[in-house]
């Protein structure tokens, strides 16, 4: 898959604590956190990566490109 055919995240859902719980893709698909995690790990989503937190769990984060405006927390909610 090349960069132009990969989807990206365009909006997010958050719980009451502000944690990301869901994602909307550039094609309009709605993914829960586990579905999104699997797709990011498979390389299907552009602009994000997966890392292991201190608690041993895997998390999604935006690629470090120096632009705070495209951080996942800055995306609109749906």
PDB file of N, CA and C in Angstrom:
ATOM      1  N   UNK A   1       0.839  -1.184   0.000  1.00  0.00           N
ATOM      2  CA  UNK A   1       0.000   0.000   0.000  1.00  0.00           C
ATOM      3  C   UNK A   1       0.880   1.242   0.000  1.00  0.00           C
ATOM      4  N   UNK A   2       0.600   2.160  -0.871  1.00  0.00           N
ATOM      5  CA  UNK A   2       1.385   3.386  -0.838  1.00  0.00           C
ATOM      6  C   UNK A   2       0.622   4.469  -0.086  1.00  0.00           C
ATOM      7  N   UNK A   3       1.280   5.579   0.140  1.00  0.00           N
ATOM      8  CA  UNK A   3       0.731   6.652   0.972  1.00  0.00           C
ATOM      9  C   UNK A   3      -0.606   7.164   0.440  1.00  0.00           C
ATOM     10  N   UNK A   4      -0.805   7.190  -0.877  1.00  0.00           N
ATOM     11  CA  UNK A   4      -2.020   7.787  -1.419  1.00  0.00           C
ATOM     12  C   UNK A   4      -3.239   6.882  -1.265  1.00  0.00           C
ATOM     13  N   UNK A   5      -3.050   5.585  -1.093  1.00  0.00           N
ATOM     14  CA  UNK A   5      -4.206   4.699  -0.949  1.00  0.00           C
ATOM     15  C   UNK A   5      -4.504   4.364   0.499  1.00  0.00           C
ATOM     16  N   UNK A   6      -3.623   4.729   1.406  1.00  0.00           N
ATOM     17  CA  UNK A   6      -3.862   4.461   2.821  1.00  0.00           C
ATOM     18  C   UNK A   6      -4.844   5.481   3.379  1.00  0.00           C
ATOM     19  N   UNK A   7      -5.680   5.016   4.282  1.00  0.00           N
ATOM     20  CA  UNK A   7      -6.605   5.919   4.953  1.00  0.00           C
ATOM     21  C   UNK A   7      -5.862   6.698   6.035  1.00  0.00           C
ATOM     22  N   UNK A   8      -6.498   7.742   6.507  1.00  0.00           N
ATOM     23  CA  UNK A   8      -5.985   8.472   7.662  1.00  0.00           C
ATOM     24  C   UNK A   8      -7.154   8.703   8.614  1.00  0.00           C
ATOM     25  N   UNK A   9      -6.835   9.065   9.842  1.00  0.00           N
ATOM     26  CA  UNK A   9      -7.881   9.385  10.811  1.00  0.00           C
ATOM     27  C   UNK A   9      -8.272  10.845  10.646  1.00  0.00           C
ATOM     28  N   UNK A  10      -9.588  11.096  10.596  1.00  0.00           N
ATOM     29  CA  UNK A  10     -10.076  12.462  10.419  1.00  0.00           C
ATOM     30  C   UNK A  10     -10.854  12.977  11.626  1.00  0.00           C
ATOM     31  N   UNK A  11     -11.296  12.082  12.502  1.00  0.00           N
ATOM     32  CA  UNK A  11     -12.025  12.486  13.709  1.00  0.00           C
ATOM     33  C   UNK A  11     -11.886  11.382  14.746  1.00  0.00           C
ATOM     34  N   UNK A  12     -12.118  11.745  16.006  1.00  0.00           N
ATOM     35  CA  UNK A  12     -11.961  10.790  17.103  1.00  0.00           C
ATOM     36  C   UNK A  12     -13.147  10.854  18.054  1.00  0.00           C
ATOM     37  N   UNK A  13     -13.325   9.782  18.813  1.00  0.00           N
ATOM     38  CA  UNK A  13     -14.263   9.756  19.930  1.00  0.00           C
ATOM     39  C   UNK A  13     -13.430   9.674  21.195  1.00  0.00           C
ATOM     40  N   UNK A  14     -13.901  10.338  22.259  1.00  0.00           N
ATOM     41  CA  UNK A  14     -13.199  10.314  23.540  1.00  0.00           C
ATOM     42  C   UNK A  14     -14.175   9.939  24.636  1.00  0.00           C
ATOM     43  N   UNK A  15     -13.636   9.301  25.690  1.00  0.00           N
ATOM     44  CA  UNK A  15     -14.472   8.999  26.848  1.00  0.00           C
ATOM     45  C   UNK A  15     -14.435  10.181  27.812  1.00  0.00           C
ATOM     46  N   UNK A  16     -15.078  10.040  28.949  1.00  0.00           N
ATOM     47  CA  UNK A  16     -15.157  11.130  29.916  1.00  0.00           C
ATOM     48  C   UNK A  16     -13.809  11.570  30.456  1.00  0.00           C
ATOM     49  N   UNK A  17     -12.803  10.699  30.384  1.00  0.00           N
ATOM     50  CA  UNK A  17     -11.457  11.038  30.857  1.00  0.00           C
ATOM     51  C   UNK A  17     -10.612  11.685  29.762  1.00  0.00           C
ATOM     52  N   UNK A  18     -11.174  11.799  28.551  1.00  0.00           N
ATOM     53  CA  UNK A  18     -10.416  12.368  27.445  1.00  0.00           C
ATOM     54  C   UNK A  18      -9.579  11.353  26.693  1.00  0.00           C
ATOM     55  N   UNK A  19      -9.727  10.075  27.044  1.00  0.00           N
ATOM     56  CA  UNK A  19      -8.998   9.023  26.341  1.00  0.00           C
ATOM     57  C   UNK A  19      -9.667   8.736  25.004  1.00  0.00           C
ATOM     58  N   UNK A  20      -8.872   8.468  23.985  1.00  0.00           N
ATOM     59  CA  UNK A  20      -9.422   8.130  22.668  1.00  0.00           C
ATOM     60  C   UNK A  20     -10.055   6.745  22.717  1.00  0.00           C
ATOM     61  N   UNK A  21     -11.278   6.644  22.190  1.00  0.00           N
ATOM     62  CA  UNK A  21     -11.990   5.367  22.208  1.00  0.00           C
ATOM     63  C   UNK A  21     -12.433   4.911  20.826  1.00  0.00           C
ATOM     64  N   UNK A  22     -12.442   5.822  19.852  1.00  0.00           N
ATOM     65  CA  UNK A  22     -12.885   5.471  18.508  1.00  0.00           C
ATOM     66  C   UNK A  22     -12.305   6.436  17.497  1.00  0.00           C
ATOM     67  N   UNK A  23     -12.318   6.012  16.236  1.00  0.00           N
ATOM     68  CA  UNK A  23     -11.716   6.795  15.170  1.00  0.00           C
ATOM     69  C   UNK A  23     -12.586   6.766  13.933  1.00  0.00           C
ATOM     70  N   UNK A  24     -12.649   7.878  13.219  1.00  0.00           N
ATOM     71  CA  UNK A  24     -13.285   7.925  11.911  1.00  0.00           C
ATOM     72  C   UNK A  24     -12.173   8.083  10.883  1.00  0.00           C
ATOM     73  N   UNK A  25     -12.261   7.303   9.790  1.00  0.00           N
ATOM     74  CA  UNK A  25     -11.217   7.351   8.772  1.00  0.00           C
ATOM     75  C   UNK A  25     -11.602   8.288   7.639  1.00  0.00           C
ATOM     76  N   UNK A  26     -10.641   8.537   6.774  1.00  0.00           N
ATOM     77  CA  UNK A  26     -10.847   9.437   5.641  1.00  0.00           C
ATOM     78  C   UNK A  26     -11.886   8.912   4.656  1.00  0.00           C
ATOM     79  N   UNK A  27     -12.221   7.622   4.739  1.00  0.00           N
ATOM     80  CA  UNK A  27     -13.280   7.081   3.877  1.00  0.00           C
ATOM     81  C   UNK A  27     -14.609   6.983   4.618  1.00  0.00           C
ATOM     82  N   UNK A  28     -14.644   7.466   5.881  1.00  0.00           N
ATOM     83  CA  UNK A  28     -15.888   7.481   6.631  1.00  0.00           C
ATOM     84  C   UNK A  28     -16.131   6.269   7.503  1.00  0.00           C
ATOM     85  N   UNK A  29     -15.192   5.326   7.503  1.00  0.00           N
ATOM     86  CA  UNK A  29     -15.378   4.163   8.372  1.00  0.00           C
ATOM     87  C   UNK A  29     -15.195   4.565   9.828  1.00  0.00           C
ATOM     88  N   UNK A  30     -15.964   3.918  10.713  1.00  0.00           N
ATOM     89  CA  UNK A  30     -15.861   4.136  12.151  1.00  0.00           C
ATOM     90  C   UNK A  30     -15.217   2.884  12.753  1.00  0.00           C
ATOM     91  N   UNK A  31     -14.118   3.090  13.479  1.00  0.00           N
ATOM     92  CA  UNK A  31     -13.390   1.980  14.086  1.00  0.00           C
ATOM     93  C   UNK A  31     -13.331   2.174  15.593  1.00  0.00           C
ATOM     94  N   UNK A  32     -13.551   1.092  16.346  1.00  0.00           N
ATOM     95  CA  UNK A  32     -13.297   1.205  17.777  1.00  0.00           C
ATOM     96  C   UNK A  32     -11.784   1.122  17.988  1.00  0.00           C
ATOM     97  N   UNK A  33     -11.343   1.313  19.217  1.00  0.00           N
ATOM     98  CA  UNK A  33      -9.904   1.411  19.466  1.00  0.00           C
ATOM     99  C   UNK A  33      -9.162   0.153  19.027  1.00  0.00           C
ATOM    100  N   UNK A  34      -9.716  -1.027  19.331  1.00  0.00           N
ATOM    101  CA  UNK A  34      -9.024  -2.276  18.987  1.00  0.00           C
ATOM    102  C   UNK A  34      -8.958  -2.484  17.478  1.00  0.00           C
ATOM    103  N   UNK A  35     -10.035  -2.148  16.770  1.00  0.00           N
ATOM    104  CA  UNK A  35     -10.009  -2.250  15.305  1.00  0.00           C
ATOM    105  C   UNK A  35      -8.967  -1.294  14.731  1.00  0.00           C
ATOM    106  N   UNK A  36      -8.939  -0.070  15.241  1.00  0.00           N
ATOM    107  CA  UNK A  36      -7.987   0.926  14.756  1.00  0.00           C
ATOM    108  C   UNK A  36      -6.555   0.473  15.037  1.00  0.00           C
ATOM    109  N   UNK A  37      -6.320  -0.066  16.220  1.00  0.00           N
ATOM    110  CA  UNK A  37      -4.995  -0.552  16.588  1.00  0.00           C
ATOM    111  C   UNK A  37      -4.524  -1.619  15.608  1.00  0.00           C
ATOM    112  N   UNK A  38      -5.408  -2.555  15.283  1.00  0.00           N
ATOM    113  CA  UNK A  38      -5.054  -3.628  14.346  1.00  0.00           C
ATOM    114  C   UNK A  38      -4.731  -3.068  12.966  1.00  0.00           C
ATOM    115  N   UNK A  39      -5.497  -2.084  12.514  1.00  0.00           N
ATOM    116  CA  UNK A  39      -5.256  -1.513  11.183  1.00  0.00           C
ATOM    117  C   UNK A  39      -3.967  -0.695  11.139  1.00  0.00           C
ATOM    118  N   UNK A  40      -3.679   0.028  12.224  1.00  0.00           N
ATOM    119  CA  UNK A  40      -2.419   0.777  12.280  1.00  0.00           C
ATOM    120  C   UNK A  40      -1.246  -0.199  12.261  1.00  0.00           C
ATOM    121  N   UNK A  41      -1.347  -1.281  13.051  1.00  0.00           N
ATOM    122  CA  UNK A  41      -0.277  -2.283  13.080  1.00  0.00           C
ATOM    123  C   UNK A  41      -0.083  -2.932  11.718  1.00  0.00           C
ATOM    124  N   UNK A  42      -1.165  -3.058  10.947  1.00  0.00           N
ATOM    125  CA  UNK A  42      -1.095  -3.672   9.615  1.00  0.00           C
ATOM    126  C   UNK A  42      -0.589  -2.688   8.556  1.00  0.00           C
ATOM    127  N   UNK A  43      -0.414  -1.419   8.938  1.00  0.00           N
ATOM    128  CA  UNK A  43       0.084  -0.425   7.999  1.00  0.00           C
ATOM    129  C   UNK A  43      -0.982   0.178   7.109  1.00  0.00           C
ATOM    130  N   UNK A  44      -2.254   0.000   7.476  1.00  0.00           N
ATOM    131  CA  UNK A  44      -3.344   0.471   6.628  1.00  0.00           C
ATOM    132  C   UNK A  44      -3.711   1.939   6.854  1.00  0.00           C
ATOM    133  N   UNK A  45      -3.223   2.534   7.947  1.00  0.00           N
ATOM    134  CA  UNK A  45      -3.571   3.907   8.276  1.00  0.00           C
ATOM    135  C   UNK A  45      -2.309   4.762   8.238  1.00  0.00           C
ATOM    136  N   UNK A  46      -2.369   5.865   7.515  1.00  0.00           N
ATOM    137  CA  UNK A  46      -1.216   6.756   7.370  1.00  0.00           C
ATOM    138  C   UNK A  46      -1.152   7.763   8.510  1.00  0.00           C
ATOM    139  N   UNK A  47       0.056   8.204   8.856  1.00  0.00           N
ATOM    140  CA  UNK A  47       0.241   9.300   9.798  1.00  0.00           C
ATOM    141  C   UNK A  47       0.215   8.932  11.259  1.00  0.00           C
ATOM    142  N   UNK A  48       0.113   7.646  11.557  1.00  0.00           N
ATOM    143  CA  UNK A  48       0.073   7.192  12.944  1.00  0.00           C
ATOM    144  C   UNK A  48       0.947   5.965  13.114  1.00  0.00           C
ATOM    145  N   UNK A  49       1.267   5.646  14.366  1.00  0.00           N
ATOM    146  CA  UNK A  49       2.039   4.452  14.679  1.00  0.00           C
ATOM    147  C   UNK A  49       1.580   3.903  16.011  1.00  0.00           C
ATOM    148  N   UNK A  50       2.091   2.733  16.360  1.00  0.00           N
ATOM    149  CA  UNK A  50       1.726   2.061  17.602  1.00  0.00           C
ATOM    150  C   UNK A  50       2.962   2.000  18.487  1.00  0.00           C
ATOM    151  N   UNK A  51       2.762   2.234  19.770  1.00  0.00           N
ATOM    152  CA  UNK A  51       3.871   2.092  20.714  1.00  0.00           C
ATOM    153  C   UNK A  51       3.387   1.361  21.955  1.00  0.00           C
ATOM    154  N   UNK A  52       4.326   0.779  22.688  1.00  0.00           N
ATOM    155  CA  UNK A  52       3.996   0.069  23.927  1.00  0.00           C
ATOM    156  C   UNK A  52       4.172   1.029  25.094  1.00  0.00           C
ATOM    157  N   UNK A  53       3.105   1.209  25.859  1.00  0.00           N
ATOM    158  CA  UNK A  53       3.145   2.094  27.020  1.00  0.00           C
ATOM    159  C   UNK A  53       3.853   1.449  28.197  1.00  0.00           C
ATOM    160  N   UNK A  54       4.072   2.231  29.218  1.00  0.00           N
ATOM    161  CA  UNK A  54       4.739   1.724  30.430  1.00  0.00           C
ATOM    162  C   UNK A  54       3.954   0.584  31.067  1.00  0.00           C
ATOM    163  N   UNK A  55       2.648   0.563  30.821  1.00  0.00           N
ATOM    164  CA  UNK A  55       1.805  -0.489  31.384  1.00  0.00           C
ATOM    165  C   UNK A  55       1.826  -1.767  30.544  1.00  0.00           C
ATOM    166  N   UNK A  56       2.600  -1.755  29.448  1.00  0.00           N
ATOM    167  CA  UNK A  56       2.703  -2.941  28.599  1.00  0.00           C
ATOM    168  C   UNK A  56       1.636  -3.022  27.518  1.00  0.00           C
ATOM    169  N   UNK A  57       0.662  -2.118  27.558  1.00  0.00           N
ATOM    170  CA  UNK A  57      -0.392  -2.093  26.549  1.00  0.00           C
ATOM    171  C   UNK A  57       0.090  -1.358  25.300  1.00  0.00           C
ATOM    172  N   UNK A  58      -0.558  -1.649  24.166  1.00  0.00           N
ATOM    173  CA  UNK A  58      -0.217  -0.981  22.915  1.00  0.00           C
ATOM    174  C   UNK A  58      -1.159   0.197  22.706  1.00  0.00           C
ATOM    175  N   UNK A  59      -0.598   1.315  22.219  1.00  0.00           N
ATOM    176  CA  UNK A  59      -1.364   2.541  22.025  1.00  0.00           C
ATOM    177  C   UNK A  59      -1.080   3.130  20.649  1.00  0.00           C
ATOM    178  N   UNK A  60      -2.062   3.890  20.161  1.00  0.00           N
ATOM    179  CA  UNK A  60      -1.932   4.583  18.886  1.00  0.00           C
ATOM    180  C   UNK A  60      -1.498   6.018  19.160  1.00  0.00           C
ATOM    181  N   UNK A  61      -0.561   6.505  18.367  1.00  0.00           N
ATOM    182  CA  UNK A  61      -0.187   7.916  18.451  1.00  0.00           C
ATOM    183  C   UNK A  61       0.128   8.427  17.055  1.00  0.00           C
ATOM    184  N   UNK A  62       0.024   9.734  16.905  1.00  0.00           N
ATOM    185  CA  UNK A  62       0.371  10.357  15.637  1.00  0.00           C
ATOM    186  C   UNK A  62       1.875  10.316  15.417  1.00  0.00           C
ATOM    187  N   UNK A  63       2.288  10.256  14.162  1.00  0.00           N
ATOM    188  CA  UNK A  63       3.710  10.318  13.845  1.00  0.00           C
ATOM    189  C   UNK A  63       4.278  11.645  14.324  1.00  0.00           C
ATOM    190  N   UNK A  64       5.481  11.604  14.857  1.00  0.00           N
ATOM    191  CA  UNK A  64       6.138  12.816  15.338  1.00  0.00           C
ATOM    192  C   UNK A  64       6.672  13.597  14.145  1.00  0.00           C
ATOM    193  N   UNK A  65       5.909  14.610  13.729  1.00  0.00           N
ATOM    194  CA  UNK A  65       6.334  15.401  12.575  1.00  0.00           C
ATOM    195  C   UNK A  65       6.534  16.867  12.949  1.00  0.00           C
ATOM    196  N   UNK A  66       6.447  17.174  14.250  1.00  0.00           N
ATOM    197  CA  UNK A  66       6.656  18.545  14.698  1.00  0.00           C
ATOM    198  C   UNK A  66       5.461  19.457  14.512  1.00  0.00           C
ATOM    199  N   UNK A  67       4.355  18.929  14.013  1.00  0.00           N
ATOM    200  CA  UNK A  67       3.156  19.742  13.762  1.00  0.00           C
ATOM    201  C   UNK A  67       2.078  19.366  14.768  1.00  0.00           C
ATOM    202  N   UNK A  68       1.878  20.176  15.815  1.00  0.00           N
ATOM    203  CA  UNK A  68       0.893  19.815  16.840  1.00  0.00           C
ATOM    204  C   UNK A  68      -0.546  19.834  16.348  1.00  0.00           C
ATOM    205  N   UNK A  69      -0.828  20.481  15.210  1.00  0.00           N
ATOM    206  CA  UNK A  69      -2.209  20.593  14.745  1.00  0.00           C
ATOM    207  C   UNK A  69      -2.757  19.273  14.234  1.00  0.00           C
ATOM    208  N   UNK A  70      -1.900  18.297  13.893  1.00  0.00           N
ATOM    209  CA  UNK A  70      -2.424  17.022  13.415  1.00  0.00           C
ATOM    210  C   UNK A  70      -2.307  15.913  14.463  1.00  0.00           C
ATOM    211  N   UNK A  71      -2.044  16.288  15.716  1.00  0.00           N
ATOM    212  CA  UNK A  71      -2.036  15.295  16.785  1.00  0.00           C
ATOM    213  C   UNK A  71      -3.446  14.721  16.928  1.00  0.00           C
ATOM    214  N   UNK A  72      -3.536  13.462  17.314  1.00  0.00           N
ATOM    215  CA  UNK A  72      -4.845  12.814  17.411  1.00  0.00           C
ATOM    216  C   UNK A  72      -5.772  13.574  18.361  1.00  0.00           C
ATOM    217  N   UNK A  73      -5.234  14.134  19.454  1.00  0.00           N
ATOM    218  CA  UNK A  73      -6.065  14.879  20.386  1.00  0.00           C
ATOM    219  C   UNK A  73      -6.640  16.153  19.786  1.00  0.00           C
ATOM    220  N   UNK A  74      -6.051  16.642  18.712  1.00  0.00           N
ATOM    221  CA  UNK A  74      -6.506  17.875  18.071  1.00  0.00           C
ATOM    222  C   UNK A  74      -7.565  17.638  16.999  1.00  0.00           C
ATOM    223  N   UNK A  75      -7.783  16.385  16.641  1.00  0.00           N
ATOM    224  CA  UNK A  75      -8.788  16.093  15.603  1.00  0.00           C
ATOM    225  C   UNK A  75     -10.182  16.390  16.144  1.00  0.00           C
ATOM    226  N   UNK A  76     -11.123  16.731  15.239  1.00  0.00           N
ATOM    227  CA  UNK A  76     -12.510  16.949  15.691  1.00  0.00           C
ATOM    228  C   UNK A  76     -13.097  15.665  16.257  1.00  0.00           C
ATOM    229  N   UNK A  77     -14.091  15.809  17.115  1.00  0.00           N
ATOM    230  CA  UNK A  77     -14.774  14.638  17.661  1.00  0.00           C
ATOM    231  C   UNK A  77     -16.033  14.364  16.860  1.00  0.00           C
ATOM    232  N   UNK A  78     -16.500  13.125  16.941  1.00  0.00           N
ATOM    233  CA  UNK A  78     -17.731  12.746  16.237  1.00  0.00           C
ATOM    234  C   UNK A  78     -18.632  11.971  17.157  1.00  0.00           C
TER     235      UNK A  78
END
